[in-house]
Amino acid sequence: MKIKIRLFGRYRGITRKKELELVINGDTIWHVVNVLAKQHPAIEKDKKFIMVSKNNIYTTFDEKIEEGDTVTISPPVVSGG
């Protein structure tokens, strides 16, 4: 299925794109993250901590995706203290 991926933070720098269109052979956001990490190995170390949303609603990696969905990938939030 074909989906759109919006990228933020350092992931824009790694991919050199704001948005990508990918064909995914899986049915969850976890599959999307894995495909992105395989294409851009610098993302691999972050992949368990990436913040994700589907169609502008924050969600989890096990969220089901469908043709035409937009998945947003953001770096993990880090705070100091």
PDB file of N, CA and C in Angstrom:
ATOM      1  N   MET A   1       0.838  -1.182   0.000  1.00  0.00           N
ATOM      2  CA  MET A   1       0.000   0.000   0.000  1.00  0.00           C
ATOM      3  C   MET A   1       0.879   1.240   0.000  1.00  0.00           C
ATOM      4  N   LYS A   2       0.369   2.309  -0.557  1.00  0.00           N
ATOM      5  CA  LYS A   2       1.129   3.557  -0.651  1.00  0.00           C
ATOM      6  C   LYS A   2       0.665   4.502   0.458  1.00  0.00           C
ATOM      7  N   ILE A   3       1.645   5.035   1.205  1.00  0.00           N
ATOM      8  CA  ILE A   3       1.358   6.006   2.256  1.00  0.00           C
ATOM      9  C   ILE A   3       2.311   7.190   2.128  1.00  0.00           C
ATOM     10  N   LYS A   4       1.937   8.287   2.776  1.00  0.00           N
ATOM     11  CA  LYS A   4       2.795   9.471   2.831  1.00  0.00           C
ATOM     12  C   LYS A   4       3.431   9.524   4.216  1.00  0.00           C
ATOM     13  N   ILE A   5       4.709   9.894   4.261  1.00  0.00           N
ATOM     14  CA  ILE A   5       5.424  10.058   5.525  1.00  0.00           C
ATOM     15  C   ILE A   5       5.894  11.496   5.614  1.00  0.00           C
ATOM     16  N   ARG A   6       5.524  12.157   6.697  1.00  0.00           N
ATOM     17  CA  ARG A   6       6.011  13.513   6.978  1.00  0.00           C
ATOM     18  C   ARG A   6       7.125  13.382   8.005  1.00  0.00           C
ATOM     19  N   LEU A   7       8.217  14.104   7.789  1.00  0.00           N
ATOM     20  CA  LEU A   7       9.398  13.997   8.641  1.00  0.00           C
ATOM     21  C   LEU A   7       9.700  15.321   9.328  1.00  0.00           C
ATOM     22  N   PHE A   8      10.133  15.224  10.584  1.00  0.00           N
ATOM     23  CA  PHE A   8      10.482  16.411  11.356  1.00  0.00           C
ATOM     24  C   PHE A   8      11.845  16.236  12.011  1.00  0.00           C
ATOM     25  N   GLY A   9      12.403  17.369  12.447  1.00  0.00           N
ATOM     26  CA  GLY A   9      13.665  17.366  13.184  1.00  0.00           C
ATOM     27  C   GLY A   9      14.807  16.770  12.384  1.00  0.00           C
ATOM     28  N   ARG A  10      15.626  16.007  13.071  1.00  0.00           N
ATOM     29  CA  ARG A  10      16.823  15.449  12.439  1.00  0.00           C
ATOM     30  C   ARG A  10      16.514  14.483  11.302  1.00  0.00           C
ATOM     31  N   TYR A  11      15.295  13.943  11.285  1.00  0.00           N
ATOM     32  CA  TYR A  11      14.929  13.010  10.213  1.00  0.00           C
ATOM     33  C   TYR A  11      14.804  13.714   8.869  1.00  0.00           C
ATOM     34  N   ARG A  12      14.464  14.995   8.896  1.00  0.00           N
ATOM     35  CA  ARG A  12      14.487  15.777   7.654  1.00  0.00           C
ATOM     36  C   ARG A  12      15.914  15.896   7.139  1.00  0.00           C
ATOM     37  N   GLY A  13      16.844  16.115   8.062  1.00  0.00           N
ATOM     38  CA  GLY A  13      18.248  16.219   7.669  1.00  0.00           C
ATOM     39  C   GLY A  13      18.808  14.907   7.148  1.00  0.00           C
ATOM     40  N   ILE A  14      18.435  13.816   7.782  1.00  0.00           N
ATOM     41  CA  ILE A  14      18.929  12.503   7.368  1.00  0.00           C
ATOM     42  C   ILE A  14      18.404  12.134   5.983  1.00  0.00           C
ATOM     43  N   THR A  15      17.116  12.351   5.761  1.00  0.00           N
ATOM     44  CA  THR A  15      16.502  11.960   4.486  1.00  0.00           C
ATOM     45  C   THR A  15      16.596  13.051   3.422  1.00  0.00           C
ATOM     46  N   ARG A  16      16.868  14.292   3.873  1.00  0.00           N
ATOM     47  CA  ARG A  16      16.886  15.473   3.006  1.00  0.00           C
ATOM     48  C   ARG A  16      15.534  15.719   2.348  1.00  0.00           C
ATOM     49  N   LYS A  17      14.476  15.349   3.056  1.00  0.00           N
ATOM     50  CA  LYS A  17      13.110  15.532   2.551  1.00  0.00           C
ATOM     51  C   LYS A  17      12.171  15.888   3.693  1.00  0.00           C
ATOM     52  N   LYS A  18      11.123  16.672   3.384  1.00  0.00           N
ATOM     53  CA  LYS A  18      10.047  16.948   4.337  1.00  0.00           C
ATOM     54  C   LYS A  18       9.013  15.840   4.312  1.00  0.00           C
ATOM     55  N   GLU A  19       8.810  15.279   3.118  1.00  0.00           N
ATOM     56  CA  GLU A  19       7.814  14.228   2.938  1.00  0.00           C
ATOM     57  C   GLU A  19       8.337  13.168   1.986  1.00  0.00           C
ATOM     58  N   LEU A  20       7.879  11.954   2.217  1.00  0.00           N
ATOM     59  CA  LEU A  20       8.198  10.824   1.345  1.00  0.00           C
ATOM     60  C   LEU A  20       6.913  10.075   1.046  1.00  0.00           C
ATOM     61  N   GLU A  21       6.878   9.410  -0.074  1.00  0.00           N
ATOM     62  CA  GLU A  21       5.814   8.448  -0.338  1.00  0.00           C
ATOM     63  C   GLU A  21       6.474   7.089  -0.404  1.00  0.00           C
ATOM     64  N   LEU A  22       5.934   6.140   0.351  1.00  0.00           N
ATOM     65  CA  LEU A  22       6.492   4.797   0.375  1.00  0.00           C
ATOM     66  C   LEU A  22       5.416   3.776   0.078  1.00  0.00           C
ATOM     67  N   VAL A  23       5.850   2.677  -0.507  1.00  0.00           N
ATOM     68  CA  VAL A  23       4.984   1.517  -0.662  1.00  0.00           C
ATOM     69  C   VAL A  23       5.383   0.554   0.447  1.00  0.00           C
ATOM     70  N   ILE A  24       4.435   0.225   1.305  1.00  0.00           N
ATOM     71  CA  ILE A  24       4.680  -0.598   2.482  1.00  0.00           C
ATOM     72  C   ILE A  24       3.989  -1.945   2.308  1.00  0.00           C
ATOM     73  N   ASN A  25       4.696  -3.021   2.637  1.00  0.00           N
ATOM     74  CA  ASN A  25       4.114  -4.355   2.578  1.00  0.00           C
ATOM     75  C   ASN A  25       3.728  -4.854   3.962  1.00  0.00           C
ATOM     76  N   GLY A  26       3.462  -3.946   4.871  1.00  0.00           N
ATOM     77  CA  GLY A  26       3.024  -4.297   6.213  1.00  0.00           C
ATOM     78  C   GLY A  26       1.743  -3.563   6.527  1.00  0.00           C
ATOM     79  N   ASP A  27       1.263  -3.737   7.760  1.00  0.00           N
ATOM     80  CA  ASP A  27      -0.020  -3.109   8.084  1.00  0.00           C
ATOM     81  C   ASP A  27      -0.003  -2.271   9.346  1.00  0.00           C
ATOM     82  N   THR A  28       1.197  -1.990   9.889  1.00  0.00           N
ATOM     83  CA  THR A  28       1.284  -1.161  11.096  1.00  0.00           C
ATOM     84  C   THR A  28       2.345  -0.070  10.918  1.00  0.00           C
ATOM     85  N   ILE A  29       2.294   0.887  11.814  1.00  0.00           N
ATOM     86  CA  ILE A  29       3.292   1.957  11.797  1.00  0.00           C
ATOM     87  C   ILE A  29       4.685   1.389  12.064  1.00  0.00           C
ATOM     88  N   TRP A  30       4.781   0.307  12.826  1.00  0.00           N
ATOM     89  CA  TRP A  30       6.083  -0.319  13.076  1.00  0.00           C
ATOM     90  C   TRP A  30       6.725  -0.743  11.756  1.00  0.00           C
ATOM     91  N   HIS A  31       5.942  -1.242  10.819  1.00  0.00           N
ATOM     92  CA  HIS A  31       6.473  -1.600   9.500  1.00  0.00           C
ATOM     93  C   HIS A  31       7.013  -0.358   8.787  1.00  0.00           C
ATOM     94  N   VAL A  32       6.322   0.751   8.900  1.00  0.00           N
ATOM     95  CA  VAL A  32       6.766   2.006   8.283  1.00  0.00           C
ATOM     96  C   VAL A  32       8.124   2.416   8.849  1.00  0.00           C
ATOM     97  N   VAL A  33       8.244   2.388  10.174  1.00  0.00           N
ATOM     98  CA  VAL A  33       9.495   2.781  10.833  1.00  0.00           C
ATOM     99  C   VAL A  33      10.634   1.860  10.405  1.00  0.00           C
ATOM    100  N   ASN A  34      10.373   0.559  10.312  1.00  0.00           N
ATOM    101  CA  ASN A  34      11.413  -0.381   9.890  1.00  0.00           C
ATOM    102  C   ASN A  34      11.869  -0.140   8.463  1.00  0.00           C
ATOM    103  N   VAL A  35      10.947   0.136   7.551  1.00  0.00           N
ATOM    104  CA  VAL A  35      11.308   0.422   6.163  1.00  0.00           C
ATOM    105  C   VAL A  35      12.150   1.694   6.095  1.00  0.00           C
ATOM    106  N   LEU A  36      11.732   2.723   6.824  1.00  0.00           N
ATOM    107  CA  LEU A  36      12.472   3.975   6.842  1.00  0.00           C
ATOM    108  C   LEU A  36      13.890   3.772   7.406  1.00  0.00           C
ATOM    109  N   ALA A  37      14.017   2.983   8.462  1.00  0.00           N
ATOM    110  CA  ALA A  37      15.327   2.720   9.069  1.00  0.00           C
ATOM    111  C   ALA A  37      16.227   1.915   8.129  1.00  0.00           C
ATOM    112  N   LYS A  38      15.661   1.012   7.358  1.00  0.00           N
ATOM    113  CA  LYS A  38      16.470   0.255   6.392  1.00  0.00           C
ATOM    114  C   LYS A  38      16.975   1.152   5.273  1.00  0.00           C
ATOM    115  N   GLN A  39      16.148   2.102   4.852  1.00  0.00           N
ATOM    116  CA  GLN A  39      16.553   3.020   3.788  1.00  0.00           C
ATOM    117  C   GLN A  39      17.530   4.080   4.284  1.00  0.00           C
ATOM    118  N   HIS A  40      17.452   4.416   5.580  1.00  0.00           N
ATOM    119  CA  HIS A  40      18.288   5.461   6.178  1.00  0.00           C
ATOM    120  C   HIS A  40      18.828   4.926   7.506  1.00  0.00           C
ATOM    121  N   PRO A  41      19.947   4.187   7.480  1.00  0.00           N
ATOM    122  CA  PRO A  41      20.466   3.519   8.672  1.00  0.00           C
ATOM    123  C   PRO A  41      20.720   4.427   9.876  1.00  0.00           C
ATOM    124  N   ALA A  42      20.904   5.718   9.682  1.00  0.00           N
ATOM    125  CA  ALA A  42      21.115   6.631  10.821  1.00  0.00           C
ATOM    126  C   ALA A  42      19.889   6.687  11.724  1.00  0.00           C
ATOM    127  N   ILE A  43      18.733   6.288  11.221  1.00  0.00           N
ATOM    128  CA  ILE A  43      17.501   6.292  12.011  1.00  0.00           C
ATOM    129  C   ILE A  43      17.399   5.048  12.892  1.00  0.00           C
ATOM    130  N   GLU A  44      18.131   4.017  12.566  1.00  0.00           N
ATOM    131  CA  GLU A  44      18.024   2.724  13.258  1.00  0.00           C
ATOM    132  C   GLU A  44      18.137   2.843  14.780  1.00  0.00           C
ATOM    133  N   LYS A  45      19.096   3.622  15.278  1.00  0.00           N
ATOM    134  CA  LYS A  45      19.311   3.694  16.727  1.00  0.00           C
ATOM    135  C   LYS A  45      18.158   4.372  17.473  1.00  0.00           C
ATOM    136  N   ASP A  46      17.382   5.188  16.790  1.00  0.00           N
ATOM    137  CA  ASP A  46      16.259   5.897  17.411  1.00  0.00           C
ATOM    138  C   ASP A  46      14.941   5.154  17.300  1.00  0.00           C
ATOM    139  N   LYS A  47      14.870   4.124  16.483  1.00  0.00           N
ATOM    140  CA  LYS A  47      13.563   3.655  16.028  1.00  0.00           C
ATOM    141  C   LYS A  47      12.594   3.244  17.126  1.00  0.00           C
ATOM    142  N   LYS A  48      13.055   2.783  18.270  1.00  0.00           N
ATOM    143  CA  LYS A  48      12.132   2.428  19.353  1.00  0.00           C
ATOM    144  C   LYS A  48      11.595   3.650  20.100  1.00  0.00           C
ATOM    145  N   PHE A  49      12.214   4.801  19.886  1.00  0.00           N
ATOM    146  CA  PHE A  49      11.855   6.009  20.631  1.00  0.00           C
ATOM    147  C   PHE A  49      11.193   7.085  19.781  1.00  0.00           C
ATOM    148  N   ILE A  50      11.085   6.833  18.494  1.00  0.00           N
ATOM    149  CA  ILE A  50      10.496   7.794  17.572  1.00  0.00           C
ATOM    150  C   ILE A  50       9.054   8.091  17.976  1.00  0.00           C
ATOM    151  N   MET A  51       8.657   9.350  17.851  1.00  0.00           N
ATOM    152  CA  MET A  51       7.258   9.727  18.083  1.00  0.00           C
ATOM    153  C   MET A  51       6.528   9.626  16.754  1.00  0.00           C
ATOM    154  N   VAL A  52       5.353   9.014  16.780  1.00  0.00           N
ATOM    155  CA  VAL A  52       4.607   8.792  15.542  1.00  0.00           C
ATOM    156  C   VAL A  52       3.168   9.281  15.671  1.00  0.00           C
ATOM    157  N   SER A  53       2.632   9.705  14.528  1.00  0.00           N
ATOM    158  CA  SER A  53       1.205  10.009  14.470  1.00  0.00           C
ATOM    159  C   SER A  53       0.671   9.485  13.144  1.00  0.00           C
ATOM    160  N   LYS A  54      -0.615   9.216  13.132  1.00  0.00           N
ATOM    161  CA  LYS A  54      -1.296   8.793  11.906  1.00  0.00           C
ATOM    162  C   LYS A  54      -2.420   9.768  11.656  1.00  0.00           C
ATOM    163  N   ASN A  55      -2.396  10.381  10.488  1.00  0.00           N
ATOM    164  CA  ASN A  55      -3.422  11.357  10.116  1.00  0.00           C
ATOM    165  C   ASN A  55      -3.608  12.424  11.193  1.00  0.00           C
ATOM    166  N   ASN A  56      -2.457  12.934  11.692  1.00  0.00           N
ATOM    167  CA  ASN A  56      -2.389  14.043  12.653  1.00  0.00           C
ATOM    168  C   ASN A  56      -2.848  13.708  14.067  1.00  0.00           C
ATOM    169  N   ILE A  57      -2.882  12.432  14.429  1.00  0.00           N
ATOM    170  CA  ILE A  57      -3.224  12.020  15.792  1.00  0.00           C
ATOM    171  C   ILE A  57      -2.098  11.131  16.308  1.00  0.00           C
ATOM    172  N   TYR A  58      -1.469  11.542  17.437  1.00  0.00           N
ATOM    173  CA  TYR A  58      -0.395  10.729  18.006  1.00  0.00           C
ATOM    174  C   TYR A  58      -0.909   9.333  18.299  1.00  0.00           C
ATOM    175  N   THR A  59      -0.032   8.345  18.052  1.00  0.00           N
ATOM    176  CA  THR A  59      -0.437   6.956  18.206  1.00  0.00           C
ATOM    177  C   THR A  59       0.755   6.093  18.589  1.00  0.00           C
ATOM    178  N   THR A  60       0.562   4.782  18.549  1.00  0.00           N
ATOM    179  CA  THR A  60       1.611   3.824  18.902  1.00  0.00           C
ATOM    180  C   THR A  60       2.062   3.073  17.657  1.00  0.00           C
ATOM    181  N   PHE A  61       3.151   2.332  17.796  1.00  0.00           N
ATOM    182  CA  PHE A  61       3.706   1.580  16.680  1.00  0.00           C
ATOM    183  C   PHE A  61       2.774   0.486  16.173  1.00  0.00           C
ATOM    184  N   ASP A  62       1.886  -0.017  17.016  1.00  0.00           N
ATOM    185  CA  ASP A  62       1.015  -1.110  16.574  1.00  0.00           C
ATOM    186  C   ASP A  62      -0.272  -0.621  15.898  1.00  0.00           C
ATOM    187  N   GLU A  63      -0.398   0.678  15.702  1.00  0.00           N
ATOM    188  CA  GLU A  63      -1.551   1.249  14.993  1.00  0.00           C
ATOM    189  C   GLU A  63      -1.590   0.744  13.556  1.00  0.00           C
ATOM    190  N   LYS A  64      -2.741   0.296  13.117  1.00  0.00           N
ATOM    191  CA  LYS A  64      -2.922  -0.179  11.742  1.00  0.00           C
ATOM    192  C   LYS A  64      -2.897   1.002  10.770  1.00  0.00           C
ATOM    193  N   ILE A  65      -2.337   0.763   9.607  1.00  0.00           N
ATOM    194  CA  ILE A  65      -2.321   1.780   8.558  1.00  0.00           C
ATOM    195  C   ILE A  65      -3.113   1.276   7.362  1.00  0.00           C
ATOM    196  N   GLU A  66      -3.599   2.241   6.578  1.00  0.00           N
ATOM    197  CA  GLU A  66      -4.361   1.926   5.378  1.00  0.00           C
ATOM    198  C   GLU A  66      -3.845   2.767   4.222  1.00  0.00           C
ATOM    199  N   GLU A  67      -4.165   2.339   3.028  1.00  0.00           N
ATOM    200  CA  GLU A  67      -3.794   3.066   1.813  1.00  0.00           C
ATOM    201  C   GLU A  67      -4.164   4.546   1.960  1.00  0.00           C
ATOM    202  N   GLY A  68      -3.207   5.428   1.650  1.00  0.00           N
ATOM    203  CA  GLY A  68      -3.465   6.859   1.676  1.00  0.00           C
ATOM    204  C   GLY A  68      -3.251   7.541   3.012  1.00  0.00           C
ATOM    205  N   ASP A  69      -2.955   6.791   4.076  1.00  0.00           N
ATOM    206  CA  ASP A  69      -2.689   7.417   5.374  1.00  0.00           C
ATOM    207  C   ASP A  69      -1.446   8.289   5.309  1.00  0.00           C
ATOM    208  N   THR A  70      -1.383   9.252   6.215  1.00  0.00           N
ATOM    209  CA  THR A  70      -0.182  10.063   6.409  1.00  0.00           C
ATOM    210  C   THR A  70       0.379   9.735   7.782  1.00  0.00           C
ATOM    211  N   VAL A  71       1.626   9.295   7.808  1.00  0.00           N
ATOM    212  CA  VAL A  71       2.318   8.962   9.059  1.00  0.00           C
ATOM    213  C   VAL A  71       3.378  10.030   9.295  1.00  0.00           C
ATOM    214  N   THR A  72       3.376  10.608  10.476  1.00  0.00           N
ATOM    215  CA  THR A  72       4.366  11.613  10.850  1.00  0.00           C
ATOM    216  C   THR A  72       5.411  10.969  11.752  1.00  0.00           C
ATOM    217  N   ILE A  73       6.678  11.217  11.444  1.00  0.00           N
ATOM    218  CA  ILE A  73       7.802  10.669  12.200  1.00  0.00           C
ATOM    219  C   ILE A  73       8.567  11.851  12.803  1.00  0.00           C
ATOM    220  N   SER A  74       8.663  11.862  14.146  1.00  0.00           N
ATOM    221  CA  SER A  74       9.368  12.938  14.852  1.00  0.00           C
ATOM    222  C   SER A  74      10.409  12.334  15.778  1.00  0.00           C
ATOM    223  N   PRO A  75      11.504  13.057  16.036  1.00  0.00           N
ATOM    224  CA  PRO A  75      12.518  12.559  16.963  1.00  0.00           C
ATOM    225  C   PRO A  75      11.955  12.463  18.385  1.00  0.00           C
ATOM    226  N   PRO A  76      12.585  11.636  19.206  1.00  0.00           N
ATOM    227  CA  PRO A  76      12.150  11.551  20.600  1.00  0.00           C
ATOM    228  C   PRO A  76      12.305  12.892  21.300  1.00  0.00           C
ATOM    229  N   VAL A  77      11.411  13.167  22.235  1.00  0.00           N
ATOM    230  CA  VAL A  77      11.485  14.391  23.011  1.00  0.00           C
ATOM    231  C   VAL A  77      12.411  14.153  24.198  1.00  0.00           C
ATOM    232  N   VAL A  78      13.330  15.068  24.383  1.00  0.00           N
ATOM    233  CA  VAL A  78      14.295  14.959  25.476  1.00  0.00           C
ATOM    234  C   VAL A  78      14.209  16.238  26.292  1.00  0.00           C
ATOM    235  N   SER A  79      14.161  16.088  27.603  1.00  0.00           N
ATOM    236  CA  SER A  79      14.135  17.284  28.448  1.00  0.00           C
ATOM    237  C   SER A  79      15.288  17.225  29.434  1.00  0.00           C
ATOM    238  N   GLY A  80      15.748  18.365  29.827  1.00  0.00           N
ATOM    239  CA  GLY A  80      16.817  18.447  30.816  1.00  0.00           C
ATOM    240  C   GLY A  80      16.239  18.745  32.179  1.00  0.00           C
ATOM    241  N   GLY A  81      17.040  18.697  33.137  1.00  0.00           N
ATOM    242  CA  GLY A  81      16.463  18.983  34.436  1.00  0.00           C
ATOM    243  C   GLY A  81      17.456  19.113  35.440  1.00  0.00           C
TER     244      GLY A  81
END
